Amino acid sequence: MKIDWTILPHPPYPPDLAPSGHNLLSHLQHHLDGKDFQTRDDIKSALKQFFKGQSPAFWSKAIHDLPKCWQKTVDANGAYFTRFRAVV
């Protein structure tokens, strides 16, 4: 039995970033900016607030945008991206 595989030169996302996290991280960072957490419960509360506050459209758009994000990372040979430039 022969399996026809296509070998990709590298993963379509940075290896230490989950593919589902690409869109999520910038929004989560914005939500947490400027907040001061005194306890672990403060952190849990802020995270719950963030996740509960996202609409179904947010998650749908994030999934829809994944191929574009993956291609951008492949084109940059796996480099991270800030808003305006790749970070190697």
C-alpha atoms as a PDB file:
ATOM      1  CA  MET A   1       0.000   0.000   0.000  1.00  0.00           C
ATOM      2  CA  LYS A   2       1.440   3.340  -1.031  1.00  0.00           C
ATOM      3  CA  ILE A   3       0.529   6.580   0.726  1.00  0.00           C
ATOM      4  CA  ASP A   4       0.934   9.732  -1.300  1.00  0.00           C
ATOM      5  CA  TRP A   5       2.257  12.402   1.086  1.00  0.00           C
ATOM      6  CA  THR A   6       2.994  16.027   0.398  1.00  0.00           C
ATOM      7  CA  ILE A   7       5.921  17.159   2.520  1.00  0.00           C
ATOM      8  CA  LEU A   8       5.779  20.760   3.631  1.00  0.00           C
ATOM      9  CA  PRO A   9       9.092  22.583   4.107  1.00  0.00           C
ATOM     10  CA  HIS A  10       8.046  23.722   7.601  1.00  0.00           C
ATOM     11  CA  PRO A  11       4.857  24.015   9.623  1.00  0.00           C
ATOM     12  CA  PRO A  12       2.395  26.719   8.549  1.00  0.00           C
ATOM     13  CA  TYR A  13       2.785  28.426  11.930  1.00  0.00           C
ATOM     14  CA  PRO A  14       5.598  29.030  14.413  1.00  0.00           C
ATOM     15  CA  PRO A  15       6.282  25.677  16.117  1.00  0.00           C
ATOM     16  CA  ASP A  16       5.742  27.004  19.645  1.00  0.00           C
ATOM     17  CA  LEU A  17       2.427  28.719  18.859  1.00  0.00           C
ATOM     18  CA  ALA A  18      -0.732  26.659  18.554  1.00  0.00           C
ATOM     19  CA  PRO A  19      -2.402  27.150  15.164  1.00  0.00           C
ATOM     20  CA  SER A  20      -5.617  28.207  16.855  1.00  0.00           C
ATOM     21  CA  GLY A  21      -3.823  30.890  18.868  1.00  0.00           C
ATOM     22  CA  HIS A  22      -2.780  33.183  16.042  1.00  0.00           C
ATOM     23  CA  ASN A  23      -5.786  35.521  16.112  1.00  0.00           C
ATOM     24  CA  LEU A  24      -6.584  34.960  19.751  1.00  0.00           C
ATOM     25  CA  LEU A  25      -3.337  36.255  21.228  1.00  0.00           C
ATOM     26  CA  SER A  26      -3.545  39.833  19.974  1.00  0.00           C
ATOM     27  CA  HIS A  27      -7.122  40.204  21.207  1.00  0.00           C
ATOM     28  CA  LEU A  28      -6.301  38.632  24.551  1.00  0.00           C
ATOM     29  CA  GLN A  29      -3.250  40.877  24.955  1.00  0.00           C
ATOM     30  CA  HIS A  30      -5.397  43.938  24.270  1.00  0.00           C
ATOM     31  CA  HIS A  31      -7.941  42.751  26.848  1.00  0.00           C
ATOM     32  CA  LEU A  32      -5.250  42.224  29.499  1.00  0.00           C
ATOM     33  CA  ASP A  33      -3.184  45.368  28.796  1.00  0.00           C
ATOM     34  CA  GLY A  34      -2.873  47.596  31.838  1.00  0.00           C
ATOM     35  CA  LYS A  35      -4.473  45.142  34.227  1.00  0.00           C
ATOM     36  CA  ASP A  36      -2.711  44.339  37.507  1.00  0.00           C
ATOM     37  CA  PHE A  37      -3.329  40.871  38.900  1.00  0.00           C
ATOM     38  CA  GLN A  38      -2.828  40.291  42.603  1.00  0.00           C
ATOM     39  CA  THR A  39      -3.979  36.685  42.763  1.00  0.00           C
ATOM     40  CA  ARG A  40      -4.412  33.665  40.544  1.00  0.00           C
ATOM     41  CA  ASP A  41      -8.176  34.148  40.905  1.00  0.00           C
ATOM     42  CA  ASP A  42      -7.822  37.651  39.419  1.00  0.00           C
ATOM     43  CA  ILE A  43      -6.185  36.113  36.366  1.00  0.00           C
ATOM     44  CA  LYS A  44      -8.834  33.400  36.068  1.00  0.00           C
ATOM     45  CA  SER A  45     -11.577  36.007  36.311  1.00  0.00           C
ATOM     46  CA  ALA A  46     -10.027  38.177  33.587  1.00  0.00           C
ATOM     47  CA  LEU A  47      -9.634  35.180  31.282  1.00  0.00           C
ATOM     48  CA  LYS A  48     -13.207  34.021  31.856  1.00  0.00           C
ATOM     49  CA  GLN A  49     -14.438  37.546  31.137  1.00  0.00           C
ATOM     50  CA  PHE A  50     -12.475  37.628  27.885  1.00  0.00           C
ATOM     51  CA  PHE A  51     -13.644  34.236  26.612  1.00  0.00           C
ATOM     52  CA  LYS A  52     -17.281  34.777  27.589  1.00  0.00           C
ATOM     53  CA  GLY A  53     -17.227  38.177  25.909  1.00  0.00           C
ATOM     54  CA  GLN A  54     -16.348  36.866  22.450  1.00  0.00           C
ATOM     55  CA  SER A  55     -19.188  36.504  19.986  1.00  0.00           C
ATOM     56  CA  PRO A  56     -19.659  33.492  17.707  1.00  0.00           C
ATOM     57  CA  ALA A  57     -18.631  35.784  14.836  1.00  0.00           C
ATOM     58  CA  PHE A  58     -15.250  36.358  16.534  1.00  0.00           C
ATOM     59  CA  TRP A  59     -14.502  32.625  16.561  1.00  0.00           C
ATOM     60  CA  SER A  60     -15.874  32.118  13.051  1.00  0.00           C
ATOM     61  CA  LYS A  61     -13.680  34.904  11.651  1.00  0.00           C
ATOM     62  CA  ALA A  62     -10.641  33.508  13.479  1.00  0.00           C
ATOM     63  CA  ILE A  63     -11.150  30.096  11.870  1.00  0.00           C
ATOM     64  CA  HIS A  64     -11.841  31.629   8.458  1.00  0.00           C
ATOM     65  CA  ASP A  65      -8.619  33.701   8.647  1.00  0.00           C
ATOM     66  CA  LEU A  66      -6.336  30.774   9.574  1.00  0.00           C
ATOM     67  CA  PRO A  67      -5.287  29.805   6.012  1.00  0.00           C
ATOM     68  CA  LYS A  68      -4.254  33.403   5.294  1.00  0.00           C
ATOM     69  CA  CYS A  69      -2.251  33.564   8.541  1.00  0.00           C
ATOM     70  CA  TRP A  70      -0.615  30.215   7.833  1.00  0.00           C
ATOM     71  CA  GLN A  71       0.346  31.284   4.314  1.00  0.00           C
ATOM     72  CA  LYS A  72       1.843  34.530   5.620  1.00  0.00           C
ATOM     73  CA  THR A  73       3.997  32.555   8.055  1.00  0.00           C
ATOM     74  CA  VAL A  74       5.033  30.030   5.382  1.00  0.00           C
ATOM     75  CA  ASP A  75       6.009  32.895   3.073  1.00  0.00           C
ATOM     76  CA  ALA A  76       8.158  34.344   5.881  1.00  0.00           C
ATOM     77  CA  ASN A  77       9.854  30.979   6.568  1.00  0.00           C
ATOM     78  CA  GLY A  78       8.166  30.597   9.947  1.00  0.00           C
ATOM     79  CA  ALA A  79       9.001  34.038  11.329  1.00  0.00           C
ATOM     80  CA  TYR A  80       6.741  35.650  13.886  1.00  0.00           C
ATOM     81  CA  PHE A  81       4.858  38.741  12.829  1.00  0.00           C
ATOM     82  CA  THR A  82       4.271  41.911  14.688  1.00  0.00           C
ATOM     83  CA  ARG A  83       1.803  44.295  13.191  1.00  0.00           C
ATOM     84  CA  PHE A  84       4.145  45.634  10.494  1.00  0.00           C
ATOM     85  CA  ARG A  85       7.148  43.338  10.231  1.00  0.00           C
ATOM     86  CA  ALA A  86       8.378  39.798  10.626  1.00  0.00           C
ATOM     87  CA  VAL A  87      10.328  38.958  13.769  1.00  0.00           C
ATOM     88  CA  VAL A  88      12.890  36.183  13.373  1.00  0.00           C
END
